[in-house]
Amino acid sequence: MIREVAIVSGKGGTGKSTITLGLASLLKDKAVFVDADVDAPDMYIVMEPELLKKEDFEGPRFPVYIPDKCTGCGLCEQNCRFDAIKIVDMKPIFNEFKCDACGVCWRVCPFDAIEVRRDISGEIYISRSRFGPFVHARLFPGRENSGKLVSRLRVVAKAVADDAKKDLIILDGPPGVGCPVISTITGVSLTVGIVEPTLSGIHDIIRVYELSTFFNIPFTIVINKSNINPDMVQRIKEFASENGIKILGEIPFSRRIVEALLQRKTIIEGDVEDGIKEELKRIWNGIQSMLSLTGL
């Protein structure tokens, strides 16, 4: 059985990718890693992957008019509830940014002068990195359906895991609690919330915890940059204690981590304090324990 672990936070900049990359270097070739932040992927910068396969992602169906059939009757404009169609010189002009791809225009056209075509909204990549299989994606600028792209990305990742005979997938989740995050955590074995000791960090980790609880997914916490605000760290610990949430570990802010990332190295690979590396190993041991995994 393939287990999936989602690394989430509720906000950007908490260190999800940094910690996920650290786990990747610990687990070399023992898991499939996925960058589920399709709007702004960044793991590839450190992973430096070799692209093996690319797959187009089809987004919504957008209308296209057929000049030879169109009479400029205006029914499409009259029935569009999104104000996405304007008749100019007896021709429909479609605004793709307003269009909701509902399809009503081609349904009401009496002359079959409108057809719908699938829009290529992004790409999914299957790659090989120095840490093993890596699956990532990119949603094109201005395109929608990031949640759907994440869902497809997970399907591809499971196929890669099957082919590579891996029983673990680790997902580096997107920020927030919207559709992409819901698509990332739905059905996973464990969510790991990365929280920084700031007011916004605490606020957003609570939202992620509530989301994870709604889907009945086990939830645990890692405190990142734990040395920047002791009072906020205490508040995080109180929240965890009140809700029965296990804290897997605390990683302090270190300039050496920043320098390592600038050199495209992970916490484990870079010239980072030994205590931080050992803490990351303890965090991984805690994840294994919660998943009842052995032999990794």
Foldseek 3Di string as FASTA:
>chain_A
DAFEEEEAFQAPDLCLLQLLQLVLVVQFAQAEEEALAQADGDNCLLQVWDFDDKDFDWDAWDKDFAVVQQQLPCPLCVPDPQNQWDQDPSDIDGDVLSDPNPPVSCVPDPRNGMDIDIDRFWMKTWTAGRSGTYIYIHGDPSDDDSLVVSLVSVVVRVVVCVVSVHRYYYYSFDHRDDSSRCSRQQPHQEYEHEAELDPVRLVSNVVVVVSCVVNPHQYAYEYELCPPDVVSVVVSVVVCVVVVHYYQFYAHDDVQQVVQVVVSHHCVGTPHDPVNSVSSVSSVVVVCVSVVHPDD
